Amino acid sequence: MSDLLKLKPERVWYYFHEICKIPRPSKKEEKISAWLVEFGKKNNLETKKDSVGNVILIKPACKGKENVKTVVLQSHIDMVCEKNSSTVHDFDKDPIIPVIDGEWVKAKGTTLGADDGIGIAAQLALLEATDISHGPLECLFTVDEETGLTGAFALAPDFVKGRILLNLDSEDEGQLFIGCAGGKDTSISFTYNKENTPENVNAYKVSVTGLKGGHSGDDINKGLGNAVKILNRFLWNAADKYKMRIAKFDGGNLRNALAREAFANIIIPENFKSNFIDYASLFNNIIKDELKITEPDFKFVVESFEKPLFLLDSATQFNLLNSLYACPHGVIAMTADMPGLVETSTNLASVKTLDDEIIVQTSQRSSVESSKDDVAAMVASVFKMAGAKVTHGEGYPGWKPDVNSPLLQVVKNTYIRLFKNEPKVLAIHAGLECGVIGEKYPGMDMISFGPTLRGVHSPDEKINIESVKMFWELLVEVLKEI
């Protein structure tokens, strides 16, 4: 029996443990969606599933609460699937293995999926409970939040009846979120020709690893390293100084995660070998010094590798390296009326070398719609000058804060009563489905809260055990008070 089942609140951890057994990558939520439908049937709940896989489980009010307004509780059922290159794990088949590490729960070498598995678990514990006072409940489970909020976008006008929403997808206990940034993806494609690798060259694999990675919204202002940027910086300099040529450049993974690892297969003419190795050592020391506070586990390795048959053509290499160097990454602007909150940012997420093209993925966020479009255009302009093809996703809207929300007052007052401390009321520089849901269902009064998570969207993801207990107590009491 897992040690998780000994933690409190027992039923929340029980369901989290069960959820970890079910593969649920974004866009592949069929198994968890079917499992939720079966849960609804077993518990005699009104159950609906739409064409994209969103599920809603409806529980009647407790006796005496029949006239209370319906409350919608909402979580997303997909998870970010990230692992270190050394970890063997098939996210389509293998269960997540949660382990207790002191005050935290984390996974063995992969993302944990507490984002947003803990929200799902809390909803399920509420749905089965017989000793919690509440009005009518609609527990909404949406698909594909992490790669475009497509589940929320697909919600039908009549799928949800309630106009009070508790989003259970936040990551800091003691913080109540009443607004979020909107987002947009910008994808870039370079086509290239293959050139035969010349004789009298040395081949190397260059690796950047050991970075923390993290959430491209929540962690964008923490001074963390970007593996793609670091590797490109090295390659850009080596190309000029040592006639370096690239056979392959792969880095980063998901567009909503900071790039933790990046790799390149390269060649150097024989007569530059000694100087190149000296430069690699110097570069390693430079980056270690720059990132010694924020990225203490940074690793840069240059090792001999098998000689590639082909190289990227020199023109494409020139355009790729220069545009990646020029591409903005990080915070663009801070919010003037909420100190400490990022307003606009952009994430250079990944580079992938395919058989005949190179794909670069980026994502932009802003709480100001016009600024979101502006920074997306800024990124596009860099790559258009390099002759690449640029496309933008449709994006998703932000969620404008309402400091006069009646729901906010209920949750805030309940928190103070329970914990004798005033919670922080904030907006978040990450995408929440509240923005989309608010557009779908006008008049929805919304708030987002959750337990404390760290390292989300990376294999370092972990959830604080004590904060789960506080999150559950707050959720139960809020439902009593509404």
Protein backbone atom coordinates (compact mmCIF):
# COMPACT_ATOMS: atom_id res chain seq x y z
CA MET A 1 0.00 0.00 0.00
CA SER A 2 1.34 3.43 -0.94
CA ASP A 3 2.38 5.72 1.90
CA LEU A 4 0.18 8.35 0.24
CA LEU A 5 -2.87 6.56 1.57
CA LYS A 6 -1.76 7.32 5.11
CA LEU A 7 -1.86 11.08 4.51
CA LYS A 8 -4.73 13.39 5.46
CA PRO A 9 -7.28 14.15 4.13
CA GLU A 10 -7.44 10.45 3.39
CA ARG A 11 -9.98 10.43 0.55
CA VAL A 12 -8.30 13.27 -1.32
CA TRP A 13 -4.98 11.41 -1.28
CA TYR A 14 -6.72 8.15 -2.11
CA TYR A 15 -8.18 9.61 -5.27
CA PHE A 16 -4.92 11.34 -6.17
CA HIS A 17 -3.21 7.96 -5.86
CA GLU A 18 -5.84 6.41 -8.13
CA ILE A 19 -5.50 9.19 -10.70
CA CYS A 20 -1.71 8.67 -10.84
CA LYS A 21 -2.37 5.15 -12.18
CA ILE A 22 -4.23 6.48 -15.24
CA PRO A 23 -2.20 7.86 -18.19
CA ARG A 24 -3.54 11.30 -19.11
CA PRO A 25 -1.25 13.27 -21.44
CA SER A 26 -2.79 16.31 -23.07
CA LYS A 27 -4.96 15.30 -26.04
CA LYS A 28 -4.91 11.69 -24.81
CA GLU A 29 -7.39 11.88 -21.94
CA GLU A 30 -9.67 9.05 -23.09
CA LYS A 31 -8.81 6.76 -20.17
CA ILE A 32 -9.27 9.32 -17.39
CA SER A 33 -12.42 10.68 -19.05
CA ALA A 34 -13.93 7.17 -19.20
CA TRP A 35 -12.86 6.52 -15.60
CA LEU A 36 -14.68 9.66 -14.44
CA VAL A 37 -17.86 8.62 -16.26
CA GLU A 38 -17.69 5.23 -14.55
CA PHE A 39 -17.15 6.96 -11.18
CA GLY A 40 -20.30 9.00 -11.78
CA LYS A 41 -22.35 5.92 -12.57
CA LYS A 42 -21.07 4.02 -9.52
CA ASN A 43 -22.00 6.94 -7.27
CA ASN A 44 -25.45 7.47 -8.85
CA LEU A 45 -24.56 10.95 -10.07
CA GLU A 46 -26.02 12.67 -13.10
CA THR A 47 -23.20 12.31 -15.59
CA LYS A 48 -22.56 14.04 -18.91
CA LYS A 49 -19.67 13.74 -21.35
CA ASP A 50 -19.34 15.90 -24.44
CA SER A 51 -17.77 15.14 -27.82
CA VAL A 52 -14.26 16.28 -26.86
CA GLY A 53 -14.13 14.39 -23.55
CA ASN A 54 -15.15 17.04 -21.03
CA VAL A 55 -17.10 15.45 -18.17
CA ILE A 56 -19.54 16.95 -15.68
CA LEU A 57 -20.76 15.11 -12.58
CA ILE A 58 -23.78 16.65 -10.85
CA LYS A 59 -24.56 16.16 -7.16
CA PRO A 60 -27.82 17.37 -5.61
CA ALA A 61 -27.87 19.72 -2.65
CA CYS A 62 -27.81 18.43 0.91
CA LYS A 63 -31.09 18.56 2.82
CA GLY A 64 -31.90 22.15 3.69
CA LYS A 65 -29.58 23.57 1.01
CA GLU A 66 -31.84 23.01 -1.99
CA ASN A 67 -32.34 26.74 -2.61
CA VAL A 68 -28.65 27.64 -2.51
CA LYS A 69 -27.13 28.71 -5.83
CA THR A 70 -25.37 25.99 -7.82
CA VAL A 71 -21.58 25.94 -7.46
CA VAL A 72 -19.34 24.74 -10.29
CA LEU A 73 -16.03 23.15 -9.23
CA GLN A 74 -13.57 22.86 -12.09
CA SER A 75 -10.25 21.13 -12.79
CA HIS A 76 -8.48 19.97 -15.93
CA ILE A 77 -7.79 16.28 -16.38
CA ASP A 78 -4.69 16.38 -18.60
CA MET A 79 -1.13 16.74 -17.32
CA VAL A 80 2.19 18.00 -18.61
CA CYS A 81 4.38 14.99 -19.44
CA GLU A 82 8.01 15.90 -18.81
CA LYS A 83 10.93 13.69 -17.81
CA ASN A 84 14.67 13.89 -17.78
CA SER A 85 16.42 12.31 -20.77
CA SER A 86 17.83 9.62 -18.48
CA THR A 87 14.40 8.55 -17.19
CA VAL A 88 12.66 5.62 -18.88
CA HIS A 89 8.92 6.29 -18.86
CA ASP A 90 6.10 5.97 -21.38
CA PHE A 91 3.45 8.56 -20.45
CA ASP A 92 0.93 6.83 -22.73
CA LYS A 93 1.12 3.59 -20.75
CA ASP A 94 3.06 3.88 -17.49
CA PRO A 95 1.59 5.06 -14.19
CA ILE A 96 3.06 8.01 -12.34
CA ILE A 97 4.88 6.79 -9.20
CA PRO A 98 4.29 9.29 -6.36
CA VAL A 99 6.66 9.24 -3.38
CA ILE A 100 6.80 11.15 -0.11
CA ASP A 101 9.89 13.31 0.33
CA GLY A 102 9.72 15.02 3.72
CA GLU A 103 6.96 17.64 3.59
CA TRP A 104 6.34 17.06 -0.10
CA VAL A 105 5.01 14.49 -2.55
CA LYS A 106 6.84 14.17 -5.85
CA ALA A 107 7.28 11.59 -8.62
CA LYS A 108 10.13 9.32 -9.64
CA GLY A 109 11.87 11.13 -12.49
CA THR A 110 8.75 12.61 -14.10
CA THR A 111 6.20 15.32 -13.65
CA LEU A 112 3.82 14.42 -10.82
CA GLY A 113 0.57 15.58 -12.39
CA ALA A 114 -0.59 17.34 -9.22
CA ASP A 115 -1.29 20.08 -11.76
CA ASP A 116 -4.22 19.47 -11.78
CA GLY A 117 -4.62 15.97 -10.37
CA ILE A 118 -5.05 17.33 -6.85
CA GLY A 119 -8.03 19.39 -8.01
CA ILE A 120 -9.62 16.31 -9.56
CA ALA A 121 -9.02 14.35 -6.35
CA ALA A 122 -10.68 17.03 -4.21
CA GLN A 123 -13.74 17.05 -6.47
CA LEU A 124 -14.08 13.28 -6.29
CA ALA A 125 -13.75 13.30 -2.51
CA LEU A 126 -16.55 15.88 -2.35
CA LEU A 127 -18.76 13.93 -4.70
CA GLU A 128 -18.60 10.75 -2.62
CA ALA A 129 -18.86 12.47 0.78
CA THR A 130 -22.05 12.19 2.82
CA ASP A 131 -21.03 14.45 5.72
CA ILE A 132 -20.29 17.76 3.95
CA SER A 133 -22.87 20.55 3.77
CA HIS A 134 -23.30 22.08 0.32
CA GLY A 135 -25.82 23.30 -2.22
CA PRO A 136 -26.14 21.85 -5.74
CA LEU A 137 -22.73 20.95 -7.20
CA GLU A 138 -21.54 20.66 -10.77
CA CYS A 139 -18.05 19.13 -10.94
CA LEU A 140 -16.58 20.03 -14.31
CA PHE A 141 -13.53 18.16 -15.65
CA THR A 142 -11.99 19.63 -18.80
CA VAL A 143 -9.55 18.15 -21.30
CA ASP A 144 -6.43 19.60 -22.90
CA GLU A 145 -5.87 22.63 -20.70
CA GLU A 146 -2.11 22.42 -21.02
CA THR A 147 -1.82 22.62 -24.80
CA GLY A 148 -4.45 25.16 -25.74
CA LEU A 149 -7.45 25.06 -23.37
CA THR A 150 -9.34 23.32 -26.15
CA GLY A 151 -11.64 21.54 -23.70
CA ALA A 152 -12.80 24.84 -22.25
CA PHE A 153 -13.18 26.34 -25.73
CA ALA A 154 -15.40 23.40 -26.73
CA LEU A 155 -17.87 23.75 -23.84
CA ALA A 156 -21.44 23.98 -25.06
CA PRO A 157 -23.63 26.88 -23.83
CA ASP A 158 -25.88 24.55 -21.81
CA PHE A 159 -23.22 22.16 -20.47
CA VAL A 160 -22.89 24.15 -17.22
CA LYS A 161 -25.84 25.68 -15.35
CA GLY A 162 -24.17 27.29 -12.30
CA ARG A 163 -22.81 30.85 -12.25
CA ILE A 164 -20.43 30.49 -9.30
CA LEU A 165 -17.14 28.81 -10.15
CA LEU A 166 -14.32 27.51 -7.96
CA ASN A 167 -11.32 26.78 -10.17
CA LEU A 168 -9.00 24.34 -8.36
CA ASP A 169 -5.92 24.87 -10.51
CA SER A 170 -3.78 27.34 -8.53
CA GLU A 171 -0.43 26.56 -6.97
CA ASP A 172 0.09 28.70 -3.86
CA GLU A 173 -1.77 28.07 -0.61
CA GLY A 174 -2.81 31.33 1.00
CA GLN A 175 -3.30 33.05 -2.33
CA LEU A 176 -6.64 33.68 -4.00
CA PHE A 177 -6.52 34.36 -7.71
CA ILE A 178 -9.08 36.59 -9.40
CA GLY A 179 -7.41 37.18 -12.78
CA CYS A 180 -4.97 35.63 -15.25
CA ALA A 181 -3.03 36.35 -18.40
CA GLY A 182 -4.13 35.46 -21.90
CA GLY A 183 -1.81 33.51 -24.15
CA LYS A 184 -0.84 32.82 -27.74
CA ASP A 185 1.50 30.37 -29.48
CA THR A 186 3.86 31.32 -32.28
CA SER A 187 5.32 28.46 -34.32
CA ILE A 188 8.24 28.74 -36.74
CA SER A 189 9.39 26.43 -39.51
CA PHE A 190 12.72 26.45 -41.37
CA THR A 191 13.13 24.19 -44.39
CA TYR A 192 16.68 23.07 -45.09
CA ASN A 193 18.81 21.14 -47.52
CA LYS A 194 21.27 18.45 -46.49
CA GLU A 195 24.96 18.87 -47.22
CA ASN A 196 27.43 16.01 -47.15
CA THR A 197 29.82 16.06 -44.21
CA PRO A 198 33.40 16.82 -45.35
CA GLU A 199 36.51 14.82 -44.46
CA ASN A 200 39.06 15.81 -41.78
CA VAL A 201 36.54 16.91 -39.19
CA ASN A 202 35.88 16.08 -35.56
CA ALA A 203 32.30 15.34 -34.49
CA TYR A 204 30.87 16.25 -31.08
CA LYS A 205 27.64 16.10 -29.14
CA VAL A 206 27.05 19.27 -27.11
CA SER A 207 24.65 18.97 -24.15
CA VAL A 208 23.04 21.50 -21.83
CA THR A 209 21.29 19.74 -18.93
CA GLY A 210 20.56 20.13 -15.22
CA LEU A 211 18.37 23.22 -15.50
CA LYS A 212 15.26 23.47 -13.35
CA GLY A 213 12.78 24.21 -16.12
CA GLY A 214 9.32 25.05 -14.88
CA HIS A 215 6.14 26.83 -15.85
CA SER A 216 6.53 29.34 -18.67
CA GLY A 217 4.15 31.73 -16.88
CA ASP A 218 4.71 31.27 -13.15
CA ASP A 219 8.49 30.87 -13.40
CA ILE A 220 9.36 33.23 -16.26
CA ASN A 221 10.54 35.99 -13.88
CA LYS A 222 12.77 33.82 -11.66
CA GLY A 223 16.00 34.20 -13.61
CA LEU A 224 16.12 30.53 -14.62
CA GLY A 225 18.25 29.35 -17.51
CA ASN A 226 16.85 28.48 -20.94
CA ALA A 227 18.70 25.49 -22.40
CA VAL A 228 17.89 26.48 -25.99
CA LYS A 229 19.21 29.99 -25.47
CA ILE A 230 22.37 28.76 -23.74
CA LEU A 231 23.18 26.14 -26.36
CA ASN A 232 22.47 28.55 -29.21
CA ARG A 233 24.80 31.11 -27.64
CA PHE A 234 27.59 28.55 -27.67
CA LEU A 235 26.90 27.43 -31.23
CA TRP A 236 26.62 30.98 -32.54
CA ASN A 237 30.08 31.85 -31.24
CA ALA A 238 31.61 28.55 -32.34
CA ALA A 239 30.24 28.95 -35.86
CA ASP A 240 32.11 32.22 -36.33
CA LYS A 241 35.30 31.31 -34.52
CA TYR A 242 35.82 27.65 -35.41
CA LYS A 243 33.87 27.06 -38.63
CA MET A 244 31.45 24.87 -36.72
CA ARG A 245 28.65 23.18 -38.63
CA ILE A 246 25.42 21.68 -37.26
CA ALA A 247 23.92 18.30 -38.07
CA LYS A 248 21.14 18.43 -35.49
CA PHE A 249 19.75 20.85 -32.89
CA ASP A 250 17.10 19.64 -30.41
CA GLY A 251 16.11 21.43 -27.23
CA GLY A 252 13.16 21.98 -24.97
CA ASN A 253 9.88 20.13 -25.23
CA LEU A 254 6.52 21.73 -24.44
CA ARG A 255 5.56 25.28 -25.40
CA ASN A 256 4.34 26.03 -21.85
CA ALA A 257 7.50 24.80 -20.12
CA LEU A 258 10.91 26.44 -19.80
CA ALA A 259 13.54 24.52 -21.77
CA ARG A 260 15.56 22.36 -19.33
CA GLU A 261 17.74 20.44 -21.76
CA ALA A 262 19.18 20.98 -25.24
CA PHE A 263 21.50 18.96 -27.49
CA ALA A 264 23.35 19.50 -30.74
CA ASN A 265 25.42 17.26 -33.01
CA ILE A 266 28.15 19.30 -34.66
CA ILE A 267 31.46 19.04 -36.54
CA ILE A 268 34.63 21.11 -36.29
CA PRO A 269 37.51 21.13 -38.81
CA GLU A 270 40.50 19.17 -37.53
CA ASN A 271 42.75 22.24 -37.35
CA PHE A 272 40.37 24.01 -34.94
CA LYS A 273 40.03 21.11 -32.48
CA SER A 274 42.34 22.36 -29.73
CA ASN A 275 41.01 25.92 -29.70
CA PHE A 276 37.43 24.68 -29.78
CA ILE A 277 37.90 22.48 -26.72
CA ASP A 278 39.48 25.39 -24.84
CA TYR A 279 36.54 27.60 -25.80
CA ALA A 280 34.05 24.98 -24.58
CA SER A 281 35.75 24.89 -21.18
CA LEU A 282 35.71 28.69 -20.97
CA PHE A 283 32.04 28.82 -21.97
CA ASN A 284 31.14 26.28 -19.30
CA ASN A 285 32.77 28.46 -16.63
CA ILE A 286 31.06 31.62 -17.90
CA ILE A 287 27.55 30.14 -17.78
CA LYS A 288 28.16 28.47 -14.42
CA ASP A 289 29.14 31.85 -13.01
CA GLU A 290 26.12 33.61 -14.55
CA LEU A 291 23.66 31.01 -13.23
CA LYS A 292 25.37 30.03 -9.97
CA ILE A 293 22.44 31.28 -7.85
CA THR A 294 19.42 30.24 -9.89
CA GLU A 295 20.75 27.10 -11.60
CA PRO A 296 23.33 25.40 -9.35
CA ASP A 297 22.96 22.04 -11.16
CA PHE A 298 23.69 23.38 -14.65
CA LYS A 299 25.79 20.99 -16.76
CA PHE A 300 27.52 21.67 -20.06
CA VAL A 301 29.22 18.75 -21.80
CA VAL A 302 31.09 18.48 -25.09
CA GLU A 303 31.93 14.88 -26.00
CA SER A 304 33.21 13.09 -29.06
CA PHE A 305 30.43 11.64 -31.18
CA GLU A 306 29.99 9.64 -34.35
CA LYS A 307 30.49 11.63 -37.50
CA PRO A 308 27.13 12.56 -39.10
CA LEU A 309 26.43 11.80 -42.75
CA PHE A 310 24.77 15.14 -43.40
CA LEU A 311 24.78 18.73 -42.14
CA LEU A 312 22.26 21.55 -42.29
CA ASP A 313 23.00 23.74 -45.28
CA SER A 314 25.11 26.75 -44.31
CA ALA A 315 22.43 29.34 -45.14
CA THR A 316 19.83 27.68 -42.91
CA GLN A 317 22.36 27.31 -40.11
CA PHE A 318 23.17 31.03 -40.36
CA ASN A 319 19.50 32.02 -40.27
CA LEU A 320 18.60 29.62 -37.47
CA LEU A 321 21.43 30.61 -35.12
CA ASN A 322 20.98 34.33 -35.67
CA SER A 323 17.21 34.32 -35.27
CA LEU A 324 17.35 32.17 -32.12
CA TYR A 325 19.91 34.56 -30.67
CA ALA A 326 17.74 37.57 -31.50
CA CYS A 327 14.47 35.98 -30.41
CA PRO A 328 13.26 37.59 -27.16
CA HIS A 329 12.74 35.35 -24.14
CA GLY A 330 11.55 36.27 -20.67
CA VAL A 331 9.72 39.19 -19.11
CA ILE A 332 8.78 42.00 -21.49
CA ALA A 333 6.77 44.18 -19.09
CA MET A 334 5.58 44.25 -15.47
CA THR A 335 2.06 45.22 -14.41
CA ALA A 336 1.90 48.82 -13.20
CA ASP A 337 -1.13 48.47 -10.90
CA MET A 338 -0.21 45.13 -9.25
CA PRO A 339 3.43 45.30 -8.07
CA GLY A 340 5.42 42.13 -8.68
CA LEU A 341 3.05 40.71 -11.31
CA VAL A 342 4.40 40.08 -14.79
CA GLU A 343 2.21 41.69 -17.43
CA THR A 344 3.78 40.44 -20.66
CA SER A 345 6.31 37.70 -21.42
CA THR A 346 7.49 35.32 -24.12
CA ASN A 347 8.96 31.84 -23.91
CA LEU A 348 11.39 30.35 -26.45
CA ALA A 349 10.22 26.82 -25.72
CA SER A 350 11.77 24.33 -28.12
CA VAL A 351 13.77 23.60 -31.26
CA LYS A 352 13.33 20.28 -33.07
CA THR A 353 15.28 19.09 -36.15
CA LEU A 354 13.15 16.88 -38.37
CA ASP A 355 14.07 15.15 -41.61
CA ASP A 356 13.59 18.20 -43.82
CA GLU A 357 12.58 21.05 -41.52
CA ILE A 358 13.37 22.65 -38.18
CA ILE A 359 10.46 23.56 -35.91
CA VAL A 360 10.74 26.29 -33.28
CA GLN A 361 7.95 26.66 -30.72
CA THR A 362 7.35 29.81 -28.69
CA SER A 363 4.50 31.10 -26.51
CA GLN A 364 3.47 34.60 -25.44
CA ARG A 365 1.42 35.72 -22.43
CA SER A 366 -0.06 39.02 -21.32
CA SER A 367 -2.88 40.36 -19.21
CA VAL A 368 -3.26 43.09 -21.86
CA GLU A 369 -4.70 41.69 -25.08
CA SER A 370 -2.97 44.22 -27.35
CA SER A 371 0.39 43.57 -25.69
CA LYS A 372 -0.03 39.82 -26.19
CA ASP A 373 -0.46 40.41 -29.92
CA ASP A 374 2.41 42.89 -29.95
CA VAL A 375 4.97 40.54 -28.42
CA ALA A 376 3.79 37.71 -30.71
CA ALA A 377 4.45 40.03 -33.65
CA MET A 378 7.85 40.88 -32.18
CA VAL A 379 8.80 37.20 -32.16
CA ALA A 380 7.38 36.67 -35.64
CA SER A 381 9.36 39.58 -37.09
CA VAL A 382 12.67 38.05 -35.98
CA PHE A 383 12.04 34.78 -37.78
CA LYS A 384 10.44 36.36 -40.83
CA MET A 385 13.65 38.31 -41.40
CA ALA A 386 15.44 34.94 -41.37
CA GLY A 387 13.14 33.60 -44.09
CA ALA A 388 11.19 31.20 -41.88
CA LYS A 389 7.49 30.42 -42.07
CA VAL A 390 5.60 31.78 -39.05
CA THR A 391 2.12 30.84 -37.83
CA HIS A 392 0.13 31.94 -34.77
CA GLY A 393 -2.34 29.94 -32.75
CA GLU A 394 -5.75 31.36 -32.02
CA GLY A 395 -4.76 32.05 -28.42
CA TYR A 396 -6.96 32.33 -25.38
CA PRO A 397 -8.35 35.28 -23.43
CA GLY A 398 -7.25 36.59 -20.07
CA TRP A 399 -9.49 36.92 -17.02
CA LYS A 400 -10.08 40.47 -15.83
CA PRO A 401 -9.96 40.78 -12.01
CA ASP A 402 -13.13 41.78 -10.12
CA VAL A 403 -12.16 43.01 -6.66
CA ASN A 404 -15.85 43.46 -5.77
CA SER A 405 -16.74 39.82 -6.44
CA PRO A 406 -19.22 38.45 -3.84
CA LEU A 407 -17.52 35.06 -4.12
CA LEU A 408 -14.15 36.63 -3.32
CA GLN A 409 -15.57 38.06 -0.11
CA VAL A 410 -16.95 34.68 0.95
CA VAL A 411 -13.68 32.84 0.28
CA LYS A 412 -11.54 35.56 1.84
CA ASN A 413 -13.65 35.77 5.01
CA THR A 414 -13.74 31.98 5.31
CA TYR A 415 -9.97 31.79 4.99
CA ILE A 416 -9.48 34.39 7.73
CA ARG A 417 -11.88 32.57 10.04
CA LEU A 418 -10.18 29.21 9.49
CA PHE A 419 -6.52 30.17 9.56
CA LYS A 420 -6.46 33.51 11.43
CA ASN A 421 -4.53 35.02 8.58
CA GLU A 422 -5.50 37.17 5.59
CA PRO A 423 -4.92 35.58 2.18
CA LYS A 424 -3.29 37.44 -0.66
CA VAL A 425 -5.62 38.39 -3.49
CA LEU A 426 -3.74 38.27 -6.79
CA ALA A 427 -3.81 37.79 -10.51
CA ILE A 428 -1.53 35.20 -12.09
CA HIS A 429 0.77 35.34 -15.12
CA ALA A 430 -0.40 31.98 -16.35
CA GLY A 431 -3.32 30.76 -18.35
CA LEU A 432 -6.36 29.58 -16.43
CA GLU A 433 -9.51 28.26 -18.00
CA CYS A 434 -11.45 30.95 -16.15
CA GLY A 435 -10.88 33.40 -18.99
CA VAL A 436 -12.48 31.06 -21.52
CA ILE A 437 -15.21 29.89 -19.15
CA GLY A 438 -16.08 33.49 -18.29
CA GLU A 439 -16.61 34.21 -22.00
CA LYS A 440 -18.66 31.04 -22.46
CA TYR A 441 -20.94 31.71 -19.49
CA PRO A 442 -21.54 35.44 -18.96
CA GLY A 443 -22.08 36.49 -15.36
CA MET A 444 -19.90 33.74 -13.90
CA ASP A 445 -18.45 34.78 -10.53
CA MET A 446 -15.07 33.03 -10.32
CA ILE A 447 -12.11 32.47 -8.05
CA SER A 448 -9.13 30.12 -8.22
CA PHE A 449 -7.24 28.59 -5.30
CA GLY A 450 -5.27 25.46 -4.49
CA PRO A 451 -2.48 23.92 -2.42
CA THR A 452 1.21 24.73 -2.82
CA LEU A 453 2.97 23.19 -5.82
CA ARG A 454 6.52 23.81 -6.96
CA GLY A 455 8.40 22.94 -10.14
CA VAL A 456 5.25 22.33 -12.16
CA HIS A 457 5.75 21.35 -15.81
CA SER A 458 9.12 19.81 -14.87
CA PRO A 459 10.31 16.53 -13.30
CA ASP A 460 10.90 18.53 -10.11
CA GLU A 461 7.16 19.03 -9.64
CA LYS A 462 6.08 18.50 -6.04
CA ILE A 463 3.11 19.26 -3.79
CA ASN A 464 3.21 20.32 -0.17
CA ILE A 465 1.39 17.84 2.07
CA GLU A 466 0.22 20.25 4.77
CA SER A 467 -1.10 22.70 2.17
CA VAL A 468 -3.38 20.00 0.74
CA LYS A 469 -5.02 19.69 4.15
CA MET A 470 -5.56 23.48 4.30
CA PHE A 471 -6.84 23.55 0.71
CA TRP A 472 -9.40 20.86 1.52
CA GLU A 473 -10.56 22.57 4.72
CA LEU A 474 -11.03 25.85 2.87
CA LEU A 475 -12.94 24.18 0.04
CA VAL A 476 -15.31 22.38 2.40
CA GLU A 477 -15.98 25.49 4.48
CA VAL A 478 -16.54 27.71 1.44
CA LEU A 479 -19.21 25.31 0.19
CA LYS A 480 -20.91 25.52 3.57
CA GLU A 481 -20.84 29.33 3.49
CA ILE A 482 -22.15 29.89 -0.04
